[in-house]
Amino acid sequence: MTSPAATLRTAADKLRTLANAATYEDRTTWTPGHTKGSLSAVILDHPERPGVLIETWASHLEDVNAYIATMDPALGLVIADWLNGAAEDAEQIGANPHALNVARQILGSAQ
């Protein structure tokens, strides 16, 4: 059985790796994109390789675009740092159940 601190650190490492892979030399930003019909898009705004990052079908396109753009790699790095802090806390004062839920979602082992 994995300790809560180990679960939190593993999720932080995974999220940090994914967030870093989704950026390009700190010049990549995610912004809500143009919608066409029922299609919602998030634009990868990069000077050398701009393009559509994510496309999805939704009934409230502007809300979906804004939500997905908010969940960009910068937020992923902040959450990874929070999970590492939660891992330290877990060793000293006990695990935060909310942090563990986030970690388990990231690791695909939500319970």
PDB file of N, CA and C in Angstrom:
ATOM      1  N   MET A   1       0.841  -1.187   0.000  1.00  0.00           N
ATOM      2  CA  MET A   1       0.000   0.000   0.000  1.00  0.00           C
ATOM      3  C   MET A   1       0.889   1.253   0.000  1.00  0.00           C
ATOM      4  N   THR A   2       0.581   2.167  -0.860  1.00  0.00           N
ATOM      5  CA  THR A   2       1.360   3.389  -1.000  1.00  0.00           C
ATOM      6  C   THR A   2       0.943   4.404   0.055  1.00  0.00           C
ATOM      7  N   SER A   3       1.918   5.088   0.623  1.00  0.00           N
ATOM      8  CA  SER A   3       1.604   6.104   1.625  1.00  0.00           C
ATOM      9  C   SER A   3       0.953   7.314   0.964  1.00  0.00           C
ATOM     10  N   PRO A   4       0.158   8.077   1.721  1.00  0.00           N
ATOM     11  CA  PRO A   4      -0.430   9.293   1.153  1.00  0.00           C
ATOM     12  C   PRO A   4       0.624  10.250   0.604  1.00  0.00           C
ATOM     13  N   ALA A   5       1.727  10.403   1.309  1.00  0.00           N
ATOM     14  CA  ALA A   5       2.780  11.307   0.839  1.00  0.00           C
ATOM     15  C   ALA A   5       3.347  10.840  -0.497  1.00  0.00           C
ATOM     16  N   ALA A   6       3.552   9.542  -0.643  1.00  0.00           N
ATOM     17  CA  ALA A   6       4.071   9.010  -1.908  1.00  0.00           C
ATOM     18  C   ALA A   6       3.065   9.209  -3.037  1.00  0.00           C
ATOM     19  N   THR A   7       1.790   9.009  -2.746  1.00  0.00           N
ATOM     20  CA  THR A   7       0.747   9.234  -3.755  1.00  0.00           C
ATOM     21  C   THR A   7       0.763  10.686  -4.210  1.00  0.00           C
ATOM     22  N   LEU A   8       0.844  11.601  -3.265  1.00  0.00           N
ATOM     23  CA  LEU A   8       0.858  13.032  -3.590  1.00  0.00           C
ATOM     24  C   LEU A   8       2.079  13.400  -4.427  1.00  0.00           C
ATOM     25  N   ARG A   9       3.237  12.877  -4.054  1.00  0.00           N
ATOM     26  CA  ARG A   9       4.465  13.188  -4.811  1.00  0.00           C
ATOM     27  C   ARG A   9       4.430  12.584  -6.218  1.00  0.00           C
ATOM     28  N   THR A  10       3.921  11.391  -6.333  1.00  0.00           N
ATOM     29  CA  THR A  10       3.824  10.749  -7.645  1.00  0.00           C
ATOM     30  C   THR A  10       2.901  11.540  -8.563  1.00  0.00           C
ATOM     31  N   ALA A  11       1.780  11.986  -8.022  1.00  0.00           N
ATOM     32  CA  ALA A  11       0.851  12.799  -8.821  1.00  0.00           C
ATOM     33  C   ALA A  11       1.484  14.133  -9.192  1.00  0.00           C
ATOM     34  N   ALA A  12       2.209  14.750  -8.264  1.00  0.00           N
ATOM     35  CA  ALA A  12       2.881  16.023  -8.551  1.00  0.00           C
ATOM     36  C   ALA A  12       3.900  15.840  -9.671  1.00  0.00           C
ATOM     37  N   ASP A  13       4.669  14.773  -9.608  1.00  0.00           N
ATOM     38  CA  ASP A  13       5.674  14.510 -10.647  1.00  0.00           C
ATOM     39  C   ASP A  13       5.012  14.280 -12.011  1.00  0.00           C
ATOM     40  N   LYS A  14       3.923  13.508 -12.020  1.00  0.00           N
ATOM     41  CA  LYS A  14       3.235  13.243 -13.279  1.00  0.00           C
ATOM     42  C   LYS A  14       2.677  14.537 -13.864  1.00  0.00           C
ATOM     43  N   LEU A  15       2.014  15.325 -13.027  1.00  0.00           N
ATOM     44  CA  LEU A  15       1.413  16.567 -13.504  1.00  0.00           C
ATOM     45  C   LEU A  15       2.479  17.545 -13.994  1.00  0.00           C
ATOM     46  N   ARG A  16       3.581  17.653 -13.273  1.00  0.00           N
ATOM     47  CA  ARG A  16       4.664  18.550 -13.689  1.00  0.00           C
ATOM     48  C   ARG A  16       5.236  18.115 -15.037  1.00  0.00           C
ATOM     49  N   THR A  17       5.432  16.830 -15.221  1.00  0.00           N
ATOM     50  CA  THR A  17       5.945  16.301 -16.488  1.00  0.00           C
ATOM     51  C   THR A  17       4.983  16.629 -17.635  1.00  0.00           C
ATOM     52  N   LEU A  18       3.691  16.404 -17.408  1.00  0.00           N
ATOM     53  CA  LEU A  18       2.698  16.689 -18.448  1.00  0.00           C
ATOM     54  C   LEU A  18       2.608  18.187 -18.747  1.00  0.00           C
ATOM     55  N   ALA A  19       2.643  19.011 -17.716  1.00  0.00           N
ATOM     56  CA  ALA A  19       2.559  20.460 -17.917  1.00  0.00           C
ATOM     57  C   ALA A  19       3.769  20.973 -18.679  1.00  0.00           C
ATOM     58  N   ASN A  20       4.939  20.485 -18.323  1.00  0.00           N
ATOM     59  CA  ASN A  20       6.146  20.920 -19.039  1.00  0.00           C
ATOM     60  C   ASN A  20       6.133  20.451 -20.488  1.00  0.00           C
ATOM     61  N   ALA A  21       5.592  19.280 -20.744  1.00  0.00           N
ATOM     62  CA  ALA A  21       5.521  18.770 -22.113  1.00  0.00           C
ATOM     63  C   ALA A  21       4.535  19.562 -22.964  1.00  0.00           C
ATOM     64  N   ALA A  22       3.581  20.223 -22.314  1.00  0.00           N
ATOM     65  CA  ALA A  22       2.558  20.976 -23.044  1.00  0.00           C
ATOM     66  C   ALA A  22       2.960  22.424 -23.306  1.00  0.00           C
ATOM     67  N   THR A  23       4.173  22.791 -22.931  1.00  0.00           N
ATOM     68  CA  THR A  23       4.655  24.155 -23.171  1.00  0.00           C
ATOM     69  C   THR A  23       5.835  24.118 -24.135  1.00  0.00           C
ATOM     70  N   TYR A  24       6.185  25.272 -24.604  1.00  0.00           N
ATOM     71  CA  TYR A  24       7.332  25.373 -25.498  1.00  0.00           C
ATOM     72  C   TYR A  24       8.111  26.625 -25.132  1.00  0.00           C
ATOM     73  N   GLU A  25       9.196  26.428 -24.417  1.00  0.00           N
ATOM     74  CA  GLU A  25      10.099  27.519 -24.055  1.00  0.00           C
ATOM     75  C   GLU A  25       9.372  28.720 -23.459  1.00  0.00           C
ATOM     76  N   ASP A  26       8.394  28.470 -22.604  1.00  0.00           N
ATOM     77  CA  ASP A  26       7.637  29.538 -21.928  1.00  0.00           C
ATOM     78  C   ASP A  26       7.004  30.534 -22.885  1.00  0.00           C
ATOM     79  N   ARG A  27       6.829  30.178 -24.140  1.00  0.00           N
ATOM     80  CA  ARG A  27       6.207  31.086 -25.103  1.00  0.00           C
ATOM     81  C   ARG A  27       4.855  30.568 -25.561  1.00  0.00           C
ATOM     82  N   THR A  28       4.387  29.539 -24.939  1.00  0.00           N
ATOM     83  CA  THR A  28       3.119  28.955 -25.333  1.00  0.00           C
ATOM     84  C   THR A  28       2.038  29.402 -24.362  1.00  0.00           C
ATOM     85  N   THR A  29       0.940  29.901 -24.890  1.00  0.00           N
ATOM     86  CA  THR A  29      -0.207  30.226 -24.047  1.00  0.00           C
ATOM     87  C   THR A  29      -1.446  29.554 -24.607  1.00  0.00           C
ATOM     88  N   TRP A  30      -2.357  29.251 -23.734  1.00  0.00           N
ATOM     89  CA  TRP A  30      -3.620  28.676 -24.141  1.00  0.00           C
ATOM     90  C   TRP A  30      -4.657  29.777 -24.044  1.00  0.00           C
ATOM     91  N   THR A  31      -5.433  29.981 -25.068  1.00  0.00           N
ATOM     92  CA  THR A  31      -6.478  30.993 -25.039  1.00  0.00           C
ATOM     93  C   THR A  31      -7.759  30.411 -25.617  1.00  0.00           C
ATOM     94  N   PRO A  32      -8.913  30.906 -25.133  1.00  0.00           N
ATOM     95  CA  PRO A  32     -10.164  30.440 -25.735  1.00  0.00           C
ATOM     96  C   PRO A  32     -10.166  30.762 -27.218  1.00  0.00           C
ATOM     97  N   GLY A  33     -10.604  29.828 -28.004  1.00  0.00           N
ATOM     98  CA  GLY A  33     -10.554  30.010 -29.449  1.00  0.00           C
ATOM     99  C   GLY A  33     -11.895  30.296 -30.071  1.00  0.00           C
ATOM    100  N   HIS A  34     -11.867  30.374 -31.350  1.00  0.00           N
ATOM    101  CA  HIS A  34     -13.055  30.634 -32.156  1.00  0.00           C
ATOM    102  C   HIS A  34     -13.951  29.411 -32.138  1.00  0.00           C
ATOM    103  N   THR A  35     -15.228  29.629 -32.108  1.00  0.00           N
ATOM    104  CA  THR A  35     -16.152  28.511 -32.202  1.00  0.00           C
ATOM    105  C   THR A  35     -16.798  28.495 -33.573  1.00  0.00           C
ATOM    106  N   LYS A  36     -17.064  27.323 -34.044  1.00  0.00           N
ATOM    107  CA  LYS A  36     -17.665  27.158 -35.357  1.00  0.00           C
ATOM    108  C   LYS A  36     -18.756  26.109 -35.236  1.00  0.00           C
ATOM    109  N   GLY A  37     -19.988  26.520 -35.391  1.00  0.00           N
ATOM    110  CA  GLY A  37     -21.090  25.583 -35.200  1.00  0.00           C
ATOM    111  C   GLY A  37     -21.113  25.113 -33.766  1.00  0.00           C
ATOM    112  N   SER A  38     -21.029  23.814 -33.559  1.00  0.00           N
ATOM    113  CA  SER A  38     -21.024  23.243 -32.214  1.00  0.00           C
ATOM    114  C   SER A  38     -19.619  22.933 -31.731  1.00  0.00           C
ATOM    115  N   LEU A  39     -18.638  23.300 -32.512  1.00  0.00           N
ATOM    116  CA  LEU A  39     -17.267  22.953 -32.172  1.00  0.00           C
ATOM    117  C   LEU A  39     -16.626  24.038 -31.320  1.00  0.00           C
ATOM    118  N   SER A  40     -16.007  23.644 -30.236  1.00  0.00           N
ATOM    119  CA  SER A  40     -15.313  24.545 -29.334  1.00  0.00           C
ATOM    120  C   SER A  40     -13.819  24.275 -29.456  1.00  0.00           C
ATOM    121  N   ALA A  41     -13.019  25.312 -29.412  1.00  0.00           N
ATOM    122  CA  ALA A  41     -11.579  25.112 -29.574  1.00  0.00           C
ATOM    123  C   ALA A  41     -10.795  25.942 -28.577  1.00  0.00           C
ATOM    124  N   VAL A  42      -9.655  25.429 -28.177  1.00  0.00           N
ATOM    125  CA  VAL A  42      -8.673  26.184 -27.422  1.00  0.00           C
ATOM    126  C   VAL A  42      -7.461  26.310 -28.326  1.00  0.00           C
ATOM    127  N   ILE A  43      -6.962  27.522 -28.443  1.00  0.00           N
ATOM    128  CA  ILE A  43      -5.893  27.808 -29.390  1.00  0.00           C
ATOM    129  C   ILE A  43      -4.535  27.749 -28.692  1.00  0.00           C
ATOM    130  N   LEU A  44      -3.614  27.086 -29.323  1.00  0.00           N
ATOM    131  CA  LEU A  44      -2.229  27.081 -28.870  1.00  0.00           C
ATOM    132  C   LEU A  44      -1.565  28.285 -29.520  1.00  0.00           C
ATOM    133  N   ASP A  45      -1.317  29.308 -28.733  1.00  0.00           N
ATOM    134  CA  ASP A  45      -0.793  30.572 -29.251  1.00  0.00           C
ATOM    135  C   ASP A  45       0.728  30.554 -29.163  1.00  0.00           C
ATOM    136  N   HIS A  46       1.355  30.142 -30.226  1.00  0.00           N
ATOM    137  CA  HIS A  46       2.812  30.067 -30.284  1.00  0.00           C
ATOM    138  C   HIS A  46       3.280  30.769 -31.549  1.00  0.00           C
ATOM    139  N   PRO A  47       4.304  31.609 -31.438  1.00  0.00           N
ATOM    140  CA  PRO A  47       4.712  32.392 -32.606  1.00  0.00           C
ATOM    141  C   PRO A  47       5.175  31.571 -33.806  1.00  0.00           C
ATOM    142  N   GLU A  48       5.730  30.392 -33.562  1.00  0.00           N
ATOM    143  CA  GLU A  48       6.234  29.588 -34.667  1.00  0.00           C
ATOM    144  C   GLU A  48       5.251  28.513 -35.116  1.00  0.00           C
ATOM    145  N   ARG A  49       4.415  28.036 -34.192  1.00  0.00           N
ATOM    146  CA  ARG A  49       3.493  26.948 -34.517  1.00  0.00           C
ATOM    147  C   ARG A  49       2.124  27.153 -33.875  1.00  0.00           C
ATOM    148  N   PRO A  50       1.410  28.201 -34.249  1.00  0.00           N
ATOM    149  CA  PRO A  50       0.070  28.364 -33.672  1.00  0.00           C
ATOM    150  C   PRO A  50      -0.881  27.321 -34.232  1.00  0.00           C
ATOM    151  N   GLY A  51      -1.907  27.032 -33.511  1.00  0.00           N
ATOM    152  CA  GLY A  51      -2.893  26.095 -34.022  1.00  0.00           C
ATOM    153  C   GLY A  51      -3.913  25.745 -32.978  1.00  0.00           C
ATOM    154  N   VAL A  52      -4.826  24.907 -33.346  1.00  0.00           N
ATOM    155  CA  VAL A  52      -5.862  24.468 -32.427  1.00  0.00           C
ATOM    156  C   VAL A  52      -5.289  23.393 -31.515  1.00  0.00           C
ATOM    157  N   LEU A  53      -5.435  23.600 -30.230  1.00  0.00           N
ATOM    158  CA  LEU A  53      -4.913  22.648 -29.256  1.00  0.00           C
ATOM    159  C   LEU A  53      -5.947  21.589 -28.911  1.00  0.00           C
ATOM    160  N   ILE A  54      -7.156  22.028 -28.615  1.00  0.00           N
ATOM    161  CA  ILE A  54      -8.207  21.111 -28.201  1.00  0.00           C
ATOM    162  C   ILE A  54      -9.489  21.489 -28.924  1.00  0.00           C
ATOM    163  N   GLU A  55     -10.208  20.516 -29.390  1.00  0.00           N
ATOM    164  CA  GLU A  55     -11.531  20.745 -29.952  1.00  0.00           C
ATOM    165  C   GLU A  55     -12.514  19.848 -29.224  1.00  0.00           C
ATOM    166  N   THR A  56     -13.677  20.372 -28.945  1.00  0.00           N
ATOM    167  CA  THR A  56     -14.703  19.582 -28.283  1.00  0.00           C
ATOM    168  C   THR A  56     -16.081  20.044 -28.728  1.00  0.00           C
ATOM    169  N   TRP A  57     -17.051  19.210 -28.561  1.00  0.00           N
ATOM    170  CA  TRP A  57     -18.432  19.560 -28.858  1.00  0.00           C
ATOM    171  C   TRP A  57     -19.118  19.880 -27.544  1.00  0.00           C
ATOM    172  N   ALA A  58     -19.809  21.007 -27.488  1.00  0.00           N
ATOM    173  CA  ALA A  58     -20.498  21.397 -26.264  1.00  0.00           C
ATOM    174  C   ALA A  58     -21.629  22.352 -26.584  1.00  0.00           C
ATOM    175  N   SER A  59     -22.592  22.421 -25.681  1.00  0.00           N
ATOM    176  CA  SER A  59     -23.720  23.318 -25.912  1.00  0.00           C
ATOM    177  C   SER A  59     -23.405  24.755 -25.487  1.00  0.00           C
ATOM    178  N   HIS A  60     -22.519  24.945 -24.542  1.00  0.00           N
ATOM    179  CA  HIS A  60     -22.137  26.280 -24.069  1.00  0.00           C
ATOM    180  C   HIS A  60     -20.668  26.517 -24.426  1.00  0.00           C
ATOM    181  N   LEU A  61     -20.420  26.802 -25.678  1.00  0.00           N
ATOM    182  CA  LEU A  61     -19.057  26.837 -26.202  1.00  0.00           C
ATOM    183  C   LEU A  61     -18.154  27.841 -25.512  1.00  0.00           C
ATOM    184  N   GLU A  62     -18.634  29.037 -25.265  1.00  0.00           N
ATOM    185  CA  GLU A  62     -17.773  30.052 -24.656  1.00  0.00           C
ATOM    186  C   GLU A  62     -17.324  29.618 -23.268  1.00  0.00           C
ATOM    187  N   ASP A  63     -18.226  29.018 -22.500  1.00  0.00           N
ATOM    188  CA  ASP A  63     -17.861  28.541 -21.165  1.00  0.00           C
ATOM    189  C   ASP A  63     -16.843  27.414 -21.239  1.00  0.00           C
ATOM    190  N   VAL A  64     -17.048  26.504 -22.180  1.00  0.00           N
ATOM    191  CA  VAL A  64     -16.113  25.384 -22.333  1.00  0.00           C
ATOM    192  C   VAL A  64     -14.736  25.900 -22.750  1.00  0.00           C
ATOM    193  N   ASN A  65     -14.707  26.812 -23.704  1.00  0.00           N
ATOM    194  CA  ASN A  65     -13.432  27.390 -24.136  1.00  0.00           C
ATOM    195  C   ASN A  65     -12.698  28.037 -22.972  1.00  0.00           C
ATOM    196  N   ALA A  66     -13.413  28.844 -22.204  1.00  0.00           N
ATOM    197  CA  ALA A  66     -12.787  29.544 -21.082  1.00  0.00           C
ATOM    198  C   ALA A  66     -12.282  28.561 -20.032  1.00  0.00           C
ATOM    199  N   TYR A  67     -13.064  27.525 -19.754  1.00  0.00           N
ATOM    200  CA  TYR A  67     -12.646  26.533 -18.763  1.00  0.00           C
ATOM    201  C   TYR A  67     -11.377  25.805 -19.209  1.00  0.00           C
ATOM    202  N   ILE A  68     -11.387  25.309 -20.432  1.00  0.00           N
ATOM    203  CA  ILE A  68     -10.226  24.555 -20.909  1.00  0.00           C
ATOM    204  C   ILE A  68      -8.985  25.441 -20.961  1.00  0.00           C
ATOM    205  N   ALA A  69      -9.140  26.667 -21.416  1.00  0.00           N
ATOM    206  CA  ALA A  69      -7.995  27.577 -21.477  1.00  0.00           C
ATOM    207  C   ALA A  69      -7.460  27.885 -20.085  1.00  0.00           C
ATOM    208  N   THR A  70      -8.338  27.920 -19.080  1.00  0.00           N
ATOM    209  CA  THR A  70      -7.906  28.174 -17.709  1.00  0.00           C
ATOM    210  C   THR A  70      -7.057  27.026 -17.180  1.00  0.00           C
ATOM    211  N   MET A  71      -7.319  25.823 -17.645  1.00  0.00           N
ATOM    212  CA  MET A  71      -6.593  24.651 -17.174  1.00  0.00           C
ATOM    213  C   MET A  71      -5.317  24.445 -17.992  1.00  0.00           C
ATOM    214  N   ASP A  72      -4.548  25.493 -18.117  1.00  0.00           N
ATOM    215  CA  ASP A  72      -3.343  25.439 -18.943  1.00  0.00           C
ATOM    216  C   ASP A  72      -2.153  24.883 -18.155  1.00  0.00           C
ATOM    217  N   PRO A  73      -1.003  24.691 -18.808  1.00  0.00           N
ATOM    218  CA  PRO A  73       0.165  24.138 -18.130  1.00  0.00           C
ATOM    219  C   PRO A  73       0.640  24.954 -16.931  1.00  0.00           C
ATOM    220  N   ALA A  74       0.475  26.264 -16.950  1.00  0.00           N
ATOM    221  CA  ALA A  74       0.894  27.084 -15.804  1.00  0.00           C
ATOM    222  C   ALA A  74       0.118  26.684 -14.554  1.00  0.00           C
ATOM    223  N   LEU A  75      -1.174  26.436 -14.703  1.00  0.00           N
ATOM    224  CA  LEU A  75      -1.974  25.988 -13.565  1.00  0.00           C
ATOM    225  C   LEU A  75      -1.520  24.597 -13.130  1.00  0.00           C
ATOM    226  N   GLY A  76      -1.193  23.753 -14.080  1.00  0.00           N
ATOM    227  CA  GLY A  76      -0.691  22.427 -13.741  1.00  0.00           C
ATOM    228  C   GLY A  76       0.555  22.481 -12.874  1.00  0.00           C
ATOM    229  N   LEU A  77       1.452  23.411 -13.180  1.00  0.00           N
ATOM    230  CA  LEU A  77       2.670  23.549 -12.374  1.00  0.00           C
ATOM    231  C   LEU A  77       2.363  24.042 -10.960  1.00  0.00           C
ATOM    232  N   VAL A  78       1.414  24.939 -10.838  1.00  0.00           N
ATOM    233  CA  VAL A  78       1.009  25.431  -9.514  1.00  0.00           C
ATOM    234  C   VAL A  78       0.388  24.293  -8.694  1.00  0.00           C
ATOM    235  N   ILE A  79      -0.458  23.505  -9.332  1.00  0.00           N
ATOM    236  CA  ILE A  79      -1.083  22.379  -8.628  1.00  0.00           C
ATOM    237  C   ILE A  79      -0.025  21.348  -8.234  1.00  0.00           C
ATOM    238  N   ALA A  80       0.957  21.118  -9.087  1.00  0.00           N
ATOM    239  CA  ALA A  80       2.039  20.181  -8.752  1.00  0.00           C
ATOM    240  C   ALA A  80       2.802  20.669  -7.520  1.00  0.00           C
ATOM    241  N   ASP A  81       3.073  21.968  -7.446  1.00  0.00           N
ATOM    242  CA  ASP A  81       3.746  22.516  -6.260  1.00  0.00           C
ATOM    243  C   ASP A  81       2.886  22.327  -5.014  1.00  0.00           C
ATOM    244  N   TRP A  82       1.569  22.565  -5.140  1.00  0.00           N
ATOM    245  CA  TRP A  82       0.653  22.388  -4.016  1.00  0.00           C
ATOM    246  C   TRP A  82       0.658  20.931  -3.555  1.00  0.00           C
ATOM    247  N   LEU A  83       0.659  20.000  -4.498  1.00  0.00           N
ATOM    248  CA  LEU A  83       0.679  18.585  -4.131  1.00  0.00           C
ATOM    249  C   LEU A  83       1.965  18.213  -3.399  1.00  0.00           C
ATOM    250  N   ASN A  84       3.091  18.779  -3.820  1.00  0.00           N
ATOM    251  CA  ASN A  84       4.344  18.523  -3.099  1.00  0.00           C
ATOM    252  C   ASN A  84       4.279  19.058  -1.672  1.00  0.00           C
ATOM    253  N   GLY A  85       3.700  20.246  -1.503  1.00  0.00           N
ATOM    254  CA  GLY A  85       3.523  20.797  -0.159  1.00  0.00           C
ATOM    255  C   GLY A  85       2.585  19.927   0.671  1.00  0.00           C
ATOM    256  N   ALA A  86       1.533  19.425   0.036  1.00  0.00           N
ATOM    257  CA  ALA A  86       0.595  18.543   0.729  1.00  0.00           C
ATOM    258  C   ALA A  86       1.279  17.237   1.133  1.00  0.00           C
ATOM    259  N   ALA A  87       2.240  16.778   0.332  1.00  0.00           N
ATOM    260  CA  ALA A  87       2.988  15.556   0.671  1.00  0.00           C
ATOM    261  C   ALA A  87       3.824  15.794   1.928  1.00  0.00           C
ATOM    262  N   GLU A  88       4.471  16.950   2.015  1.00  0.00           N
ATOM    263  CA  GLU A  88       5.235  17.279   3.223  1.00  0.00           C
ATOM    264  C   GLU A  88       4.317  17.332   4.440  1.00  0.00           C
ATOM    265  N   ASP A  89       3.162  17.972   4.279  1.00  0.00           N
ATOM    266  CA  ASP A  89       2.192  18.034   5.373  1.00  0.00           C
ATOM    267  C   ASP A  89       1.718  16.640   5.771  1.00  0.00           C
ATOM    268  N   ALA A  90       1.503  15.775   4.781  1.00  0.00           N
ATOM    269  CA  ALA A  90       1.019  14.423   5.060  1.00  0.00           C
ATOM    270  C   ALA A  90       1.978  13.667   5.962  1.00  0.00           C
ATOM    271  N   GLU A  91       3.260  13.894   5.784  1.00  0.00           N
ATOM    272  CA  GLU A  91       4.260  13.225   6.617  1.00  0.00           C
ATOM    273  C   GLU A  91       4.293  13.779   8.037  1.00  0.00           C
ATOM    274  N   GLN A  92       3.921  15.047   8.183  1.00  0.00           N
ATOM    275  CA  GLN A  92       4.051  15.693   9.495  1.00  0.00           C
ATOM    276  C   GLN A  92       2.743  15.746  10.277  1.00  0.00           C
ATOM    277  N   ILE A  93       1.638  16.071   9.624  1.00  0.00           N
ATOM    278  CA  ILE A  93       0.384  16.275  10.352  1.00  0.00           C
ATOM    279  C   ILE A  93      -0.772  15.438   9.819  1.00  0.00           C
ATOM    280  N   GLY A  94      -0.559  14.697   8.752  1.00  0.00           N
ATOM    281  CA  GLY A  94      -1.622  13.891   8.161  1.00  0.00           C
ATOM    282  C   GLY A  94      -2.016  14.430   6.800  1.00  0.00           C
ATOM    283  N   ALA A  95      -2.580  13.552   6.009  1.00  0.00           N
ATOM    284  CA  ALA A  95      -2.905  13.885   4.626  1.00  0.00           C
ATOM    285  C   ALA A  95      -4.184  14.718   4.539  1.00  0.00           C
ATOM    286  N   ASN A  96      -4.157  15.688   3.642  1.00  0.00           N
ATOM    287  CA  ASN A  96      -5.339  16.474   3.306  1.00  0.00           C
ATOM    288  C   ASN A  96      -6.175  15.621   2.356  1.00  0.00           C
ATOM    289  N   PRO A  97      -7.414  15.294   2.730  1.00  0.00           N
ATOM    290  CA  PRO A  97      -8.214  14.413   1.862  1.00  0.00           C
ATOM    291  C   PRO A  97      -8.507  15.028   0.492  1.00  0.00           C
ATOM    292  N   HIS A  98      -8.604  16.343   0.421  1.00  0.00           N
ATOM    293  CA  HIS A  98      -8.853  16.989  -0.874  1.00  0.00           C
ATOM    294  C   HIS A  98      -7.635  16.860  -1.783  1.00  0.00           C
ATOM    295  N   ALA A  99      -6.456  17.039  -1.216  1.00  0.00           N
ATOM    296  CA  ALA A  99      -5.234  16.882  -1.998  1.00  0.00           C
ATOM    297  C   ALA A  99      -5.096  15.445  -2.484  1.00  0.00           C
ATOM    298  N   LEU A 100      -5.434  14.484  -1.622  1.00  0.00           N
ATOM    299  CA  LEU A 100      -5.384  13.083  -2.036  1.00  0.00           C
ATOM    300  C   LEU A 100      -6.378  12.790  -3.147  1.00  0.00           C
ATOM    301  N   ASN A 101      -7.548  13.383  -3.087  1.00  0.00           N
ATOM    302  CA  ASN A 101      -8.523  13.192  -4.171  1.00  0.00           C
ATOM    303  C   ASN A 101      -7.991  13.731  -5.487  1.00  0.00           C
ATOM    304  N   VAL A 102      -7.359  14.900  -5.451  1.00  0.00           N
ATOM    305  CA  VAL A 102      -6.771  15.477  -6.663  1.00  0.00           C
ATOM    306  C   VAL A 102      -5.673  14.552  -7.182  1.00  0.00           C
ATOM    307  N   ALA A 103      -4.810  14.098  -6.286  1.00  0.00           N
ATOM    308  CA  ALA A 103      -3.709  13.212  -6.684  1.00  0.00           C
ATOM    309  C   ALA A 103      -4.237  11.930  -7.318  1.00  0.00           C
ATOM    310  N   ARG A 104      -5.258  11.369  -6.729  1.00  0.00           N
ATOM    311  CA  ARG A 104      -5.811  10.125  -7.266  1.00  0.00           C
ATOM    312  C   ARG A 104      -6.454  10.342  -8.635  1.00  0.00           C
ATOM    313  N   GLN A 105      -7.081  11.493  -8.831  1.00  0.00           N
ATOM    314  CA  GLN A 105      -7.635  11.807 -10.146  1.00  0.00           C
ATOM    315  C   GLN A 105      -6.521  11.890 -11.187  1.00  0.00           C
ATOM    316  N   ILE A 106      -5.439  12.546 -10.826  1.00  0.00           N
ATOM    317  CA  ILE A 106      -4.305  12.690 -11.746  1.00  0.00           C
ATOM    318  C   ILE A 106      -3.719  11.327 -12.097  1.00  0.00           C
ATOM    319  N   LEU A 107      -3.662  10.452 -11.090  1.00  0.00           N
ATOM    320  CA  LEU A 107      -3.072   9.134 -11.293  1.00  0.00           C
ATOM    321  C   LEU A 107      -4.061   8.111 -11.856  1.00  0.00           C
ATOM    322  N   GLY A 108      -5.313   8.518 -11.988  1.00  0.00           N
ATOM    323  CA  GLY A 108      -6.316   7.611 -12.528  1.00  0.00           C
ATOM    324  C   GLY A 108      -6.743   6.545 -11.548  1.00  0.00           C
ATOM    325  N   SER A 109      -6.615   6.842 -10.250  1.00  0.00           N
ATOM    326  CA  SER A 109      -6.990   5.852  -9.251  1.00  0.00           C
ATOM    327  C   SER A 109      -7.963   6.441  -8.229  1.00  0.00           C
ATOM    328  N   ALA A 110      -8.900   7.257  -8.701  1.00  0.00           N
ATOM    329  CA  ALA A 110      -9.877   7.884  -7.801  1.00  0.00           C
ATOM    330  C   ALA A 110     -10.715   6.808  -7.120  1.00  0.00           C
ATOM    331  N   GLN A 111     -10.956   7.056  -5.838  1.00  0.00           N
ATOM    332  CA  GLN A 111     -11.748   6.087  -5.071  1.00  0.00           C
ATOM    333  C   GLN A 111     -12.910   6.767  -4.414  1.00  0.00           C
TER     334      GLN A 111
END
